[in-house]
Amino acid sequence: MVISISRRGDIPRFQFEWFLERISDGFVDVVNPFNRNQVKRVSLLPDQAQVLVFWTRDPSALLVHGKNLENMGYKWYCMTTLTGYPFPLETNPPDKALVLRVLRELSGRIGAGRELWRYDPVLLSSVTTRDFHLDNFRMLSQALRGAVTKVIISVYDEYPRAARRMARLESRDGFSLLPMRDAALCFLPEVRELLGELSCLAGEEGMAMQCCAEKEDLGGLGISAGACIDRDFIREQWGIEVSGRANQRKYCRCAPAIDIGTYGSCGAGCAYCYAR
């Protein structure tokens, strides 16, 4: 069983003490977000929670507690979202220099393969133009050279709540969201061009680029279609077989996992986030 910590909120950054208490209890109660009366008790014992997959914008807690988790018998890896987007897209990001330092130090402890970088979502707007992305991604990838070997991207999807937030930004802050897909929901040529340029920058720094839950084939741009919760990686790293398919987005390739935590609990305040 894989435990995802979590697509629903940034537990490592905001609720890691709560998570450690649940580890001490040996279980966590997970509420169905679509039916609050359904509560599932999930074991967090090391022999049943085979792999812990952390999603965060700040992995500092794992730098402090990761070794203890391993000593308790847990196997884990981490995906860190680092985009460096300006206000108003990100209202409470962690300090970028701190995250870069922690990523390099954490990679030195656990290996570059267990620390994945997410530049996600790629979003074109009046404050995140093509030139912004190229300069920003170049700076971040150069700073992470040798610390990570894979970067995961996806292109912004207009989930209803995120779309309403974007509309409010456009109405009051002079912000404008630029089109990224055509009427058939395929990437516009300028988006494909940008993704290819980002892939080239990643390659220059020794990183493979992987896309998350996209329907289009981006292989010609040097971007593979992959899984964030990756059964092949888990097998190669620890010899653990994870069967089945995740019940996520249509084009998601993740292995099945149990997400813990609660939607709406993250304090980062990213305008584009589906989980907020």
Foldseek 3Di string as FASTA:
>chain_A
DAEEQALQAQCQVPPVVVVVVCVVVQWDWFADQVHRVDIDIGGPQCVRNVEYEHEHQANVSCVVCVVVCVVSNYHYAYEHEDAPFDPPQWDAHPDNVNRLVSLQVVCVVPNQARYEYENEEQFDKPRCHLVNRLVRLLVSLQSCQPSHAEYEYEHFDCDPQLVVLQVVCVVPPVIGGDDQADPVRHGDPVNLVSLLSSQVSNVVSNHQYEYFQDPDDSVVSRYHHAAPQHQVVCCVVPVDGADDADPDDPRHGHGHHHRHDHQPPYPRNRSRRPRD
